[in-house]
Each structure stands twice: as C-alpha cells, then as structure tokens.
Amino acid sequence: MPRKPRNNIKTPFIHIMTQGINKSYIFSEEQDIKYYISTMYNIKEKYSIKIVAYCIMNNHAHILIETNDVDKLSKYMQCLNTKYAIYYNKKYNRIGYVFRDRYRSEEILNENHLNIFEK
C-alpha cells in the first residue's frame, strides 16, 4: 500500500512517531534519551521547526512539531534520525538500521485532536 504524501498536510501541527527496528529498545540508557533530545533541539533552527512536546519511550518516540514547511520537516526528521543512528551504532558497536521505517506523521487538525496529548 503506498504511503500518503506529506505535501498534502494542511496544518502546522504534526504528531511524529518513530520506532526502533523490530520494536527493539533504541533508548536503553538515559544518555541515549539525552542525546536524542539534545539533537532534536540543536538542529531545529536549521529546519524552521518548533518542538511543542515530546515523549521518548524505550523503543519509540513521539514529537509534536509545529512547522509551515513540510519539506523541511522531512529533512529535519531525516537529519535527526540519521544523527541518532550513527551515535547509537557507534556506541553499541553495531551496524545496520536503528529505526523501523520512515517516521510516521499525523496531522493535528483541531483543538480536540490536540487535547489527546493532555491525558
């Protein structure tokens, strides 16, 4: 089944989900989480991204992003996940994919949809 093109997104608020390959833990230690978060913030200006909220779990991450440029969002996520994969593979002396697939995204279309993050 083909993926839905992201260039049709009609809202600046986007819920991003990214997961470890085979649902494996990719944030095993606090240092891993801190590296991912610091990278999120260190590269956001370059891609005109505003990080609204995030939740990092052991095997996946959720990020609520505000942006007016979907192309920059794709480049941001590619940069973020590539930097993290290089860090992770080097730290754990491994090779290969770290993330399951390309990240998933969902539009936040109204305030009620946004309120699901408050629970």
C-alpha atoms as a PDB file:
ATOM      1  CA  MET A   1       0.000   0.000   0.000  1.00  0.00           C
ATOM      2  CA  PRO A   2       1.517   3.376  -0.986  1.00  0.00           C
ATOM      3  CA  ARG A   3       2.174   5.935   1.713  1.00  0.00           C
ATOM      4  CA  LYS A   4       0.155   9.121   1.894  1.00  0.00           C
ATOM      5  CA  PRO A   5       2.145  12.075   0.531  1.00  0.00           C
ATOM      6  CA  ARG A   6       3.111  14.536   3.232  1.00  0.00           C
ATOM      7  CA  ASN A   7       2.890  17.542   0.910  1.00  0.00           C
ATOM      8  CA  ASN A   8      -0.913  17.496   1.382  1.00  0.00           C
ATOM      9  CA  ILE A   9      -0.682  18.411   5.073  1.00  0.00           C
ATOM     10  CA  LYS A  10      -2.978  21.349   5.808  1.00  0.00           C
ATOM     11  CA  THR A  11      -1.955  22.190   9.375  1.00  0.00           C
ATOM     12  CA  PRO A  12       1.255  23.415  11.016  1.00  0.00           C
ATOM     13  CA  PHE A  13       0.881  20.928  13.914  1.00  0.00           C
ATOM     14  CA  ILE A  14       2.121  17.417  13.249  1.00  0.00           C
ATOM     15  CA  HIS A  15       2.435  14.407  15.541  1.00  0.00           C
ATOM     16  CA  ILE A  16       5.584  12.461  14.652  1.00  0.00           C
ATOM     17  CA  MET A  17       6.154   8.845  15.665  1.00  0.00           C
ATOM     18  CA  THR A  18       9.380   6.923  15.146  1.00  0.00           C
ATOM     19  CA  GLN A  19      10.133   3.406  16.347  1.00  0.00           C
ATOM     20  CA  GLY A  20      13.110   1.102  16.757  1.00  0.00           C
ATOM     21  CA  ILE A  21      13.626  -1.677  14.239  1.00  0.00           C
ATOM     22  CA  ASN A  22      11.792  -4.862  15.278  1.00  0.00           C
ATOM     23  CA  LYS A  23      10.302  -2.745  18.082  1.00  0.00           C
ATOM     24  CA  SER A  24      13.685  -3.052  19.808  1.00  0.00           C
ATOM     25  CA  TYR A  25      14.812  -0.716  22.552  1.00  0.00           C
ATOM     26  CA  ILE A  26      16.745   2.135  20.981  1.00  0.00           C
ATOM     27  CA  PHE A  27      16.718   4.382  24.035  1.00  0.00           C
ATOM     28  CA  SER A  28      18.119   1.940  26.581  1.00  0.00           C
ATOM     29  CA  GLU A  29      20.016   4.392  28.751  1.00  0.00           C
ATOM     30  CA  GLU A  30      19.368   7.912  29.977  1.00  0.00           C
ATOM     31  CA  GLN A  31      22.367   9.071  27.931  1.00  0.00           C
ATOM     32  CA  ASP A  32      20.635   7.825  24.749  1.00  0.00           C
ATOM     33  CA  ILE A  33      17.493   9.818  25.526  1.00  0.00           C
ATOM     34  CA  LYS A  34      19.523  12.927  26.339  1.00  0.00           C
ATOM     35  CA  TYR A  35      21.425  12.616  23.058  1.00  0.00           C
ATOM     36  CA  TYR A  36      18.193  12.321  21.030  1.00  0.00           C
ATOM     37  CA  ILE A  37      16.600  15.292  22.801  1.00  0.00           C
ATOM     38  CA  SER A  38      19.693  17.481  22.505  1.00  0.00           C
ATOM     39  CA  THR A  39      19.927  16.636  18.805  1.00  0.00           C
ATOM     40  CA  MET A  40      16.217  17.494  18.355  1.00  0.00           C
ATOM     41  CA  TYR A  41      16.865  20.949  19.775  1.00  0.00           C
ATOM     42  CA  ASN A  42      20.295  21.526  18.206  1.00  0.00           C
ATOM     43  CA  ILE A  43      19.030  21.133  14.642  1.00  0.00           C
ATOM     44  CA  LYS A  44      15.516  22.636  14.911  1.00  0.00           C
ATOM     45  CA  GLU A  45      16.506  26.180  13.904  1.00  0.00           C
ATOM     46  CA  LYS A  46      18.158  24.994  10.703  1.00  0.00           C
ATOM     47  CA  TYR A  47      14.854  23.448   9.583  1.00  0.00           C
ATOM     48  CA  SER A  48      12.448  26.092  10.999  1.00  0.00           C
ATOM     49  CA  ILE A  49      10.899  23.568  13.376  1.00  0.00           C
ATOM     50  CA  LYS A  50       9.211  24.353  16.680  1.00  0.00           C
ATOM     51  CA  ILE A  51       9.111  21.467  19.153  1.00  0.00           C
ATOM     52  CA  VAL A  52       5.843  21.719  21.088  1.00  0.00           C
ATOM     53  CA  ALA A  53       6.086  18.496  23.103  1.00  0.00           C
ATOM     54  CA  TYR A  54       7.769  15.122  23.060  1.00  0.00           C
ATOM     55  CA  CYS A  55       7.742  11.751  24.788  1.00  0.00           C
ATOM     56  CA  ILE A  56      10.675   9.378  24.472  1.00  0.00           C
ATOM     57  CA  MET A  57       9.936   5.745  25.342  1.00  0.00           C
ATOM     58  CA  ASN A  58      12.427   2.857  25.307  1.00  0.00           C
ATOM     59  CA  ASN A  59      11.557   1.690  21.788  1.00  0.00           C
ATOM     60  CA  HIS A  60       9.920   4.728  20.209  1.00  0.00           C
ATOM     61  CA  ALA A  61       9.462   8.487  20.328  1.00  0.00           C
ATOM     62  CA  HIS A  62       6.558  10.893  19.860  1.00  0.00           C
ATOM     63  CA  ILE A  63       7.218  14.500  18.899  1.00  0.00           C
ATOM     64  CA  LEU A  64       4.623  17.229  18.433  1.00  0.00           C
ATOM     65  CA  ILE A  65       6.059  19.693  15.925  1.00  0.00           C
ATOM     66  CA  GLU A  66       4.892  22.990  14.536  1.00  0.00           C
ATOM     67  CA  THR A  67       6.130  23.931  11.071  1.00  0.00           C
ATOM     68  CA  ASN A  68       4.854  25.653   7.968  1.00  0.00           C
ATOM     69  CA  ASP A  69       7.157  23.755   5.644  1.00  0.00           C
ATOM     70  CA  VAL A  70       6.551  20.026   5.249  1.00  0.00           C
ATOM     71  CA  ASP A  71       9.681  19.628   3.112  1.00  0.00           C
ATOM     72  CA  LYS A  72      11.785  20.987   5.955  1.00  0.00           C
ATOM     73  CA  LEU A  73      10.018  18.627   8.354  1.00  0.00           C
ATOM     74  CA  SER A  74      11.110  15.643   6.255  1.00  0.00           C
ATOM     75  CA  LYS A  75      14.687  16.917   6.132  1.00  0.00           C
ATOM     76  CA  TYR A  76      14.609  17.577   9.894  1.00  0.00           C
ATOM     77  CA  MET A  77      13.478  14.034  10.697  1.00  0.00           C
ATOM     78  CA  GLN A  78      15.987  12.541   8.276  1.00  0.00           C
ATOM     79  CA  CYS A  79      18.795  14.529   9.900  1.00  0.00           C
ATOM     80  CA  LEU A  80      17.620  13.750  13.459  1.00  0.00           C
ATOM     81  CA  ASN A  81      17.235  10.020  12.930  1.00  0.00           C
ATOM     82  CA  THR A  82      20.448   9.719  10.902  1.00  0.00           C
ATOM     83  CA  LYS A  83      22.470  11.506  13.579  1.00  0.00           C
ATOM     84  CA  TYR A  84      20.936   9.298  16.252  1.00  0.00           C
ATOM     85  CA  ALA A  85      21.523   6.090  14.254  1.00  0.00           C
ATOM     86  CA  ILE A  86      25.210   6.980  13.789  1.00  0.00           C
ATOM     87  CA  TYR A  87      25.517   7.708  17.523  1.00  0.00           C
ATOM     88  CA  TYR A  88      23.657   4.531  18.502  1.00  0.00           C
ATOM     89  CA  ASN A  89      25.549   2.205  16.157  1.00  0.00           C
ATOM     90  CA  LYS A  90      28.893   3.602  17.263  1.00  0.00           C
ATOM     91  CA  LYS A  91      28.040   3.456  20.982  1.00  0.00           C
ATOM     92  CA  TYR A  92      26.731  -0.123  20.849  1.00  0.00           C
ATOM     93  CA  ASN A  93      29.303  -1.333  18.287  1.00  0.00           C
ATOM     94  CA  ARG A  94      26.717  -2.400  15.738  1.00  0.00           C
ATOM     95  CA  ILE A  95      25.806  -1.792  12.116  1.00  0.00           C
ATOM     96  CA  GLY A  96      22.521  -1.565  10.272  1.00  0.00           C
ATOM     97  CA  TYR A  97      19.203   0.114  10.657  1.00  0.00           C
ATOM     98  CA  VAL A  98      18.169   1.567  14.006  1.00  0.00           C
ATOM     99  CA  PHE A  99      14.688   2.776  13.085  1.00  0.00           C
ATOM    100  CA  ARG A 100      11.865   0.512  11.910  1.00  0.00           C
ATOM    101  CA  ASP A 101      10.658   2.575   8.951  1.00  0.00           C
ATOM    102  CA  ARG A 102      10.435   6.110   7.827  1.00  0.00           C
ATOM    103  CA  TYR A 103       8.810   8.111  10.609  1.00  0.00           C
ATOM    104  CA  ARG A 104       5.016   8.275  10.758  1.00  0.00           C
ATOM    105  CA  SER A 105       3.127  11.552  10.945  1.00  0.00           C
ATOM    106  CA  GLU A 106      -0.422  12.585  11.759  1.00  0.00           C
ATOM    107  CA  GLU A 107      -1.944  15.989  11.265  1.00  0.00           C
ATOM    108  CA  ILE A 108      -3.367  17.741  14.299  1.00  0.00           C
ATOM    109  CA  LEU A 109      -6.498  19.191  12.713  1.00  0.00           C
ATOM    110  CA  ASN A 110      -8.289  20.758  15.661  1.00  0.00           C
ATOM    111  CA  GLU A 111      -8.030  21.503  19.363  1.00  0.00           C
ATOM    112  CA  ASN A 112      -9.849  18.297  20.339  1.00  0.00           C
ATOM    113  CA  HIS A 113      -7.249  16.251  18.459  1.00  0.00           C
ATOM    114  CA  LEU A 114      -4.518  18.184  20.285  1.00  0.00           C
ATOM    115  CA  ASN A 115      -6.119  17.509  23.677  1.00  0.00           C
ATOM    116  CA  ILE A 116      -5.303  13.803  23.417  1.00  0.00           C
ATOM    117  CA  PHE A 117      -1.774  14.775  24.486  1.00  0.00           C
ATOM    118  CA  GLU A 118      -3.017  16.121  27.820  1.00  0.00           C
ATOM    119  CA  LYS A 119      -4.255  12.755  29.117  1.00  0.00           C
END
